[in-house]
């Protein structure tokens, strides 16, 4: 079983479902509310674990009830939580999410204990991790923790995948340590100033990243698919059409699947095809983590849709 290390946020998601978003100052009635495990780091860790990888999670949570719940959720998914820090000074991170009738979402994230993760914590954690092939890291934690994790991973020969999300947390400094960057349209515009509306603009953005030193990128365009840029070569991967129920965590499932495929030795194109399937399955289910498919569900879906050749490309890598 290949190993992956994830450094990132651990949150509780408070999710409200509504027919439409309220205007500023307006009060409307929603349909229902649920409390679910989340956080970009934990979501990617769960995705990797459900896809058959041994996962080490590095993050920070509070000593509150939500922190207990997050630890249990990760352990239930087989994730090693020995490098998850617990602090009394701050509460477990929280994301307040609203989902409308189209399954699109808005989020307000309170980082809480995620902001307590330090470079020293990262150094201590990596001293115990020796066999991981891939690092997955995002931007919901302090910059010093992001940078230190990428440096530590490179020193151990790991392939570094940077998911530069959310856009508000992006730091260009992190790009110099990334082997692969996987931004969506909003994050791409934040980093490059290029508004991705088609393949031409996606290619322009990938070339921009290349000039910044990131030789490999995957420009995610939602239901328009993804552009894979690998050392000057590009390939377009179409999206898989499904009926979306909840898009929260789709990007994290995508990143977790990318990391899992790369850990197995797959090339970027094969990894993106695999990740596209995983993300498509995720949006058909509610919950950033509860909706993440297992590898068995992925196999069933591929058989039903005639997509098994995508999985074969990953297996043969």
Protein backbone atom coordinates (compact mmCIF):
# COMPACT_ATOMS: atom_id res chain seq x y z
CA UNK A 1 0.00 0.00 0.00
CA UNK A 2 1.54 3.31 -1.12
CA UNK A 3 1.78 6.20 1.38
CA UNK A 4 0.67 9.82 1.05
CA UNK A 5 1.15 12.71 3.46
CA UNK A 6 -1.42 15.49 3.66
CA UNK A 7 -0.72 18.84 5.33
CA UNK A 8 -3.72 21.11 5.67
CA UNK A 9 -6.86 22.26 7.38
CA UNK A 10 -9.25 20.25 9.51
CA UNK A 11 -12.70 21.82 9.92
CA UNK A 12 -16.23 21.09 10.91
CA UNK A 13 -18.65 21.98 8.09
CA UNK A 14 -21.98 23.53 9.06
CA UNK A 15 -24.01 23.18 5.87
CA UNK A 16 -27.32 24.91 5.11
CA UNK A 17 -29.41 24.01 2.06
CA UNK A 18 -31.61 26.63 0.44
CA UNK A 19 -33.48 27.28 -2.79
CA UNK A 20 -31.64 30.57 -3.27
CA UNK A 21 -29.07 32.71 -1.48
CA UNK A 22 -30.32 35.61 0.67
CA UNK A 23 -29.44 39.14 -0.37
CA UNK A 24 -27.48 41.29 2.06
CA UNK A 25 -29.70 42.11 5.03
CA UNK A 26 -32.39 39.62 3.93
CA UNK A 27 -33.73 36.71 5.98
CA UNK A 28 -35.01 33.62 4.19
CA UNK A 29 -35.94 30.10 5.29
CA UNK A 30 -33.62 27.25 4.38
CA UNK A 31 -34.52 23.63 3.71
CA UNK A 32 -32.23 21.81 6.19
CA UNK A 33 -28.92 22.00 8.05
CA UNK A 34 -26.28 19.33 8.68
CA UNK A 35 -22.95 19.23 10.52
CA UNK A 36 -20.23 17.28 8.74
CA UNK A 37 -16.45 16.69 8.91
CA UNK A 38 -14.48 18.89 6.49
CA UNK A 39 -11.44 21.08 5.87
CA UNK A 40 -9.47 20.91 2.64
CA UNK A 41 -6.65 18.94 4.21
CA UNK A 42 -8.87 16.40 5.93
CA UNK A 43 -11.05 16.08 2.81
CA UNK A 44 -8.03 15.23 0.66
CA UNK A 45 -6.77 12.80 3.28
CA UNK A 46 -10.12 10.99 3.34
CA UNK A 47 -10.22 10.85 -0.46
CA UNK A 48 -6.73 9.34 -0.60
CA UNK A 49 -7.56 6.81 2.13
CA UNK A 50 -10.81 5.71 0.48
CA UNK A 51 -8.89 5.21 -2.75
CA UNK A 52 -6.65 2.70 -1.01
CA UNK A 53 -3.68 4.68 0.24
CA UNK A 54 -2.01 4.80 3.66
CA UNK A 55 -2.37 8.43 4.72
CA UNK A 56 -0.54 10.57 7.28
CA UNK A 57 -2.48 13.71 8.28
CA UNK A 58 -0.65 16.78 9.61
CA UNK A 59 -2.83 19.58 10.96
CA UNK A 60 -4.13 21.38 14.04
CA UNK A 61 -7.46 21.21 15.87
CA UNK A 62 -8.92 22.43 19.14
CA UNK A 63 -9.47 20.42 22.32
CA UNK A 64 -13.22 20.91 21.87
CA UNK A 65 -15.97 18.48 20.97
CA UNK A 66 -15.61 19.25 17.26
CA UNK A 67 -11.94 18.32 17.49
CA UNK A 68 -12.87 14.95 18.99
CA UNK A 69 -15.36 14.41 16.18
CA UNK A 70 -12.78 15.22 13.49
CA UNK A 71 -10.22 12.84 14.98
CA UNK A 72 -12.78 10.05 15.10
CA UNK A 73 -13.86 10.68 11.52
CA UNK A 74 -10.29 10.49 10.24
CA UNK A 75 -9.50 7.37 12.25
CA UNK A 76 -12.70 5.74 10.99
CA UNK A 77 -11.33 6.29 7.47
CA UNK A 78 -8.03 4.63 8.38
CA UNK A 79 -5.98 7.85 8.49
CA UNK A 80 -2.94 8.13 10.76
CA UNK A 81 -3.67 11.12 13.04
CA UNK A 82 -0.59 10.89 15.27
CA UNK A 83 0.74 14.14 13.73
CA UNK A 84 -2.46 16.13 14.32
CA UNK A 85 -1.78 18.86 16.88
CA UNK A 86 -4.38 19.78 19.53
CA UNK A 87 -4.45 23.28 21.02
CA UNK A 88 -6.39 24.88 23.87
CA UNK A 89 -5.88 28.45 22.66
CA UNK A 90 -8.23 28.17 19.68
CA UNK A 91 -11.31 26.26 18.60
CA UNK A 92 -11.43 23.71 15.81
CA UNK A 93 -11.77 25.37 12.40
CA UNK A 94 -15.26 25.85 11.01
CA UNK A 95 -16.73 26.34 7.54
CA UNK A 96 -20.24 27.77 7.26
CA UNK A 97 -21.54 26.60 3.89
CA UNK A 98 -24.68 27.47 1.95
CA UNK A 99 -25.76 25.24 -0.95
CA UNK A 100 -28.45 26.37 -3.40
CA UNK A 101 -30.77 24.44 -5.73
CA UNK A 102 -28.06 24.20 -8.44
CA UNK A 103 -25.71 22.43 -5.97
CA UNK A 104 -23.29 25.36 -6.09
CA UNK A 105 -21.95 26.63 -2.77
CA UNK A 106 -20.64 29.64 -0.90
CA UNK A 107 -18.39 29.33 2.16
CA UNK A 108 -17.35 31.40 5.13
CA UNK A 109 -14.31 29.77 6.77
CA UNK A 110 -13.15 30.52 10.31
CA UNK A 111 -9.66 28.99 10.45
CA UNK A 112 -9.43 28.73 14.25
CA UNK A 113 -6.89 26.13 15.34
CA UNK A 114 -5.66 25.71 11.76
CA UNK A 115 -3.76 28.97 12.27
CA UNK A 116 -1.77 27.38 15.12
CA UNK A 117 0.16 25.00 12.84
CA UNK A 118 3.83 26.07 12.82
CA UNK A 119 7.00 25.26 10.89
CA UNK A 120 8.30 23.46 14.00
CA UNK A 121 5.19 21.26 14.03
CA UNK A 122 5.87 20.38 10.39
CA UNK A 123 9.51 19.51 11.10
CA UNK A 124 8.54 17.30 14.03
CA UNK A 125 5.90 15.49 11.97
CA UNK A 126 8.15 14.87 8.96
CA UNK A 127 10.84 13.42 11.23
CA UNK A 128 8.43 10.50 11.75
CA UNK A 129 7.41 10.10 8.08
CA UNK A 130 9.83 8.30 5.77
CA UNK A 131 7.94 6.32 3.12
CA UNK A 132 5.41 8.72 1.62
CA UNK A 133 5.65 9.23 -2.14
CA UNK A 134 3.38 12.27 -2.43
CA UNK A 135 2.64 15.42 -0.43
CA UNK A 136 -0.75 17.10 -0.78
CA UNK A 137 -0.89 20.65 0.61
CA UNK A 138 -3.35 23.56 0.40
CA UNK A 139 -3.62 27.17 1.62
CA UNK A 140 -6.01 27.10 4.62
CA UNK A 141 -3.06 26.97 7.03
CA UNK A 142 -0.26 29.49 7.75
CA UNK A 143 2.19 30.20 4.93
CA UNK A 144 5.17 29.13 7.03
CA UNK A 145 3.60 25.68 7.52
CA UNK A 146 2.84 25.36 3.80
CA UNK A 147 6.37 26.30 2.76
CA UNK A 148 8.07 24.15 5.41
CA UNK A 149 5.99 21.10 4.47
CA UNK A 150 6.98 21.48 0.81
CA UNK A 151 10.66 21.85 1.70
CA UNK A 152 10.54 18.81 4.00
CA UNK A 153 8.74 16.77 1.35
CA UNK A 154 11.30 17.65 -1.31
CA UNK A 155 14.12 16.70 1.04
CA UNK A 156 12.52 13.27 1.35
CA UNK A 157 12.06 12.87 -2.41
CA UNK A 158 8.28 13.24 -2.36
CA UNK A 159 6.25 14.58 -5.30
CA UNK A 160 4.69 17.86 -4.14
CA UNK A 161 1.12 18.63 -5.22
CA UNK A 162 -0.07 22.15 -4.35
CA UNK A 163 -3.79 22.87 -4.39
CA UNK A 164 -3.69 26.70 -4.19
CA UNK A 165 -7.02 27.05 -2.45
CA UNK A 166 -8.79 29.02 -1.24
CA UNK A 167 -7.96 31.99 -3.45
CA UNK A 168 -7.78 34.33 -0.44
CA UNK A 169 -4.99 32.26 1.07
CA UNK A 170 -2.79 32.02 -2.01
CA UNK A 171 0.89 32.90 -1.76
CA UNK A 172 3.04 32.93 -4.88
CA UNK A 173 6.07 32.03 -2.75
CA UNK A 174 4.79 28.47 -2.47
CA UNK A 175 4.88 27.95 -6.22
CA UNK A 176 8.66 27.56 -6.31
CA UNK A 177 8.46 24.35 -4.27
CA UNK A 178 5.59 22.69 -6.17
CA UNK A 179 6.03 19.83 -8.65
CA UNK A 180 2.39 20.21 -9.67
CA UNK A 181 -0.24 22.91 -9.15
CA UNK A 182 -4.00 22.20 -9.49
CA UNK A 183 -5.91 25.52 -9.44
CA UNK A 184 -9.53 26.11 -10.43
CA UNK A 185 -10.61 29.09 -12.53
CA UNK A 186 -10.86 31.51 -9.60
CA UNK A 187 -7.47 30.54 -8.17
CA UNK A 188 -5.88 30.70 -11.61
CA UNK A 189 -7.13 34.26 -12.07
CA UNK A 190 -5.85 35.22 -8.60
CA UNK A 191 -2.38 33.92 -9.43
CA UNK A 192 -2.05 34.89 -13.08
CA UNK A 193 -4.63 37.61 -13.76
CA UNK A 194 -5.94 35.45 -16.61
CA UNK A 195 -9.69 34.82 -16.76
CA UNK A 196 -10.03 31.18 -17.83
CA UNK A 197 -13.03 30.93 -20.13
CA UNK A 198 -11.84 28.36 -22.68
CA UNK A 199 -8.92 26.12 -23.63
CA UNK A 200 -6.90 28.97 -25.11
CA UNK A 201 -7.03 31.02 -21.91
CA UNK A 202 -6.34 27.88 -19.83
CA UNK A 203 -3.25 27.26 -21.95
CA UNK A 204 -2.14 30.86 -21.45
CA UNK A 205 -2.44 30.39 -17.69
CA UNK A 206 -0.46 27.14 -17.78
CA UNK A 207 2.29 28.88 -19.77
CA UNK A 208 2.31 31.64 -17.14
CA UNK A 209 2.84 29.05 -14.39
CA UNK A 210 5.60 27.48 -16.48
CA UNK A 211 7.39 30.82 -16.66
CA UNK A 212 7.03 31.09 -12.88
CA UNK A 213 8.84 27.78 -12.51
CA UNK A 214 5.92 25.34 -12.16
CA UNK A 215 6.45 22.94 -15.05
CA UNK A 216 3.31 20.89 -14.41
CA UNK A 217 -0.20 22.24 -13.91
CA UNK A 218 -3.80 21.13 -14.14
CA UNK A 219 -6.19 23.99 -14.86
CA UNK A 220 -9.61 22.91 -13.59
CA UNK A 221 -12.55 24.38 -15.50
CA UNK A 222 -15.48 22.79 -13.67
CA UNK A 223 -18.01 21.19 -16.01
CA UNK A 224 -15.79 22.18 -18.96
CA UNK A 225 -13.11 19.70 -17.94
CA UNK A 226 -9.40 20.17 -17.26
CA UNK A 227 -6.29 21.17 -19.17
CA UNK A 228 -3.21 19.12 -18.31
CA UNK A 229 0.08 20.94 -18.89
CA UNK A 230 3.20 18.82 -18.51
CA UNK A 231 6.58 20.36 -19.32
CA UNK A 232 5.26 22.23 -22.34
CA UNK A 233 2.83 19.57 -23.59
CA UNK A 234 -0.92 19.90 -23.13
CA UNK A 235 -3.91 17.57 -23.18
CA UNK A 236 -7.58 18.30 -22.61
CA UNK A 237 -9.64 15.98 -20.39
CA UNK A 238 -13.41 16.27 -20.69
CA UNK A 239 -15.66 16.43 -17.64
CA UNK A 240 -17.96 13.50 -16.91
CA UNK A 241 -21.60 14.52 -16.92
CA UNK A 242 -23.56 13.63 -13.78
CA UNK A 243 -26.46 15.09 -11.82
CA UNK A 244 -24.82 17.22 -9.14
CA UNK A 245 -26.21 17.23 -5.60
CA UNK A 246 -23.36 18.84 -3.64
CA UNK A 247 -20.15 20.30 -5.11
CA UNK A 248 -18.51 20.89 -1.69
CA UNK A 249 -15.28 18.90 -1.59
CA UNK A 250 -15.22 18.06 -5.29
CA UNK A 251 -11.85 19.79 -5.75
CA UNK A 252 -10.48 18.00 -2.70
CA UNK A 253 -11.61 14.63 -4.04
CA UNK A 254 -9.93 15.55 -7.32
CA UNK A 255 -6.66 16.40 -5.55
CA UNK A 256 -6.78 13.27 -3.40
CA UNK A 257 -7.29 11.15 -6.50
CA UNK A 258 -4.43 12.90 -8.31
CA UNK A 259 -2.11 12.18 -5.39
CA UNK A 260 -3.26 8.56 -5.18
CA UNK A 261 -2.68 7.92 -8.88
CA UNK A 262 0.75 9.59 -8.83
CA UNK A 263 1.71 7.51 -5.78
CA UNK A 264 0.87 4.44 -7.87
CA UNK A 265 3.20 5.68 -10.61
CA UNK A 266 0.62 7.05 -13.04
CA UNK A 267 1.43 9.87 -15.45
CA UNK A 268 -0.40 13.18 -15.15
CA UNK A 269 -2.89 12.55 -17.95
CA UNK A 270 -3.90 9.16 -16.55
CA UNK A 271 -4.06 10.67 -13.06
CA UNK A 272 -6.39 13.45 -14.23
CA UNK A 273 -8.69 11.00 -16.01
CA UNK A 274 -8.92 9.01 -12.78
CA UNK A 275 -9.46 12.15 -10.68
CA UNK A 276 -12.21 13.33 -13.04
CA UNK A 277 -14.13 10.13 -12.34
CA UNK A 278 -13.67 10.45 -8.59
CA UNK A 279 -14.79 14.11 -8.54
CA UNK A 280 -17.82 13.30 -10.70
CA UNK A 281 -18.89 10.62 -8.25
CA UNK A 282 -18.35 12.95 -5.31
CA UNK A 283 -20.78 15.64 -6.53
CA UNK A 284 -23.58 13.06 -6.74
CA UNK A 285 -23.46 12.65 -2.94
CA UNK A 286 -23.78 15.08 -0.03
CA UNK A 287 -20.89 15.85 2.31
CA UNK A 288 -17.31 16.91 1.60
CA UNK A 289 -16.11 13.64 3.14
CA UNK A 290 -19.23 11.49 3.40
CA UNK A 291 -19.70 11.83 -0.35
CA UNK A 292 -16.18 10.72 -1.30
CA UNK A 293 -16.32 7.39 -3.17
CA UNK A 294 -14.31 4.30 -2.27
CA UNK A 295 -12.17 2.63 -4.91
CA UNK A 296 -14.86 -0.07 -5.12
CA UNK A 297 -17.50 2.54 -6.01
CA UNK A 298 -15.14 4.02 -8.60
CA UNK A 299 -14.73 0.59 -10.19
CA UNK A 300 -18.51 0.07 -10.30
CA UNK A 301 -19.10 3.50 -11.85
CA UNK A 302 -16.43 2.90 -14.51
CA UNK A 303 -17.98 -0.44 -15.42
CA UNK A 304 -21.43 1.16 -15.74
CA UNK A 305 -20.16 4.08 -17.86
CA UNK A 306 -17.68 2.13 -19.97
CA UNK A 307 -14.74 4.03 -18.43
CA UNK A 308 -12.70 1.09 -17.18
CA UNK A 309 -9.93 1.92 -19.68
CA UNK A 310 -9.23 5.04 -17.61
CA UNK A 311 -8.52 2.88 -14.57
CA UNK A 312 -6.38 0.57 -16.69
CA UNK A 313 -4.13 3.50 -17.59
CA UNK A 314 -3.49 4.12 -13.88
CA UNK A 315 -2.93 0.43 -13.08
CA UNK A 316 -0.50 -0.05 -15.97
CA UNK A 317 1.58 3.03 -15.02
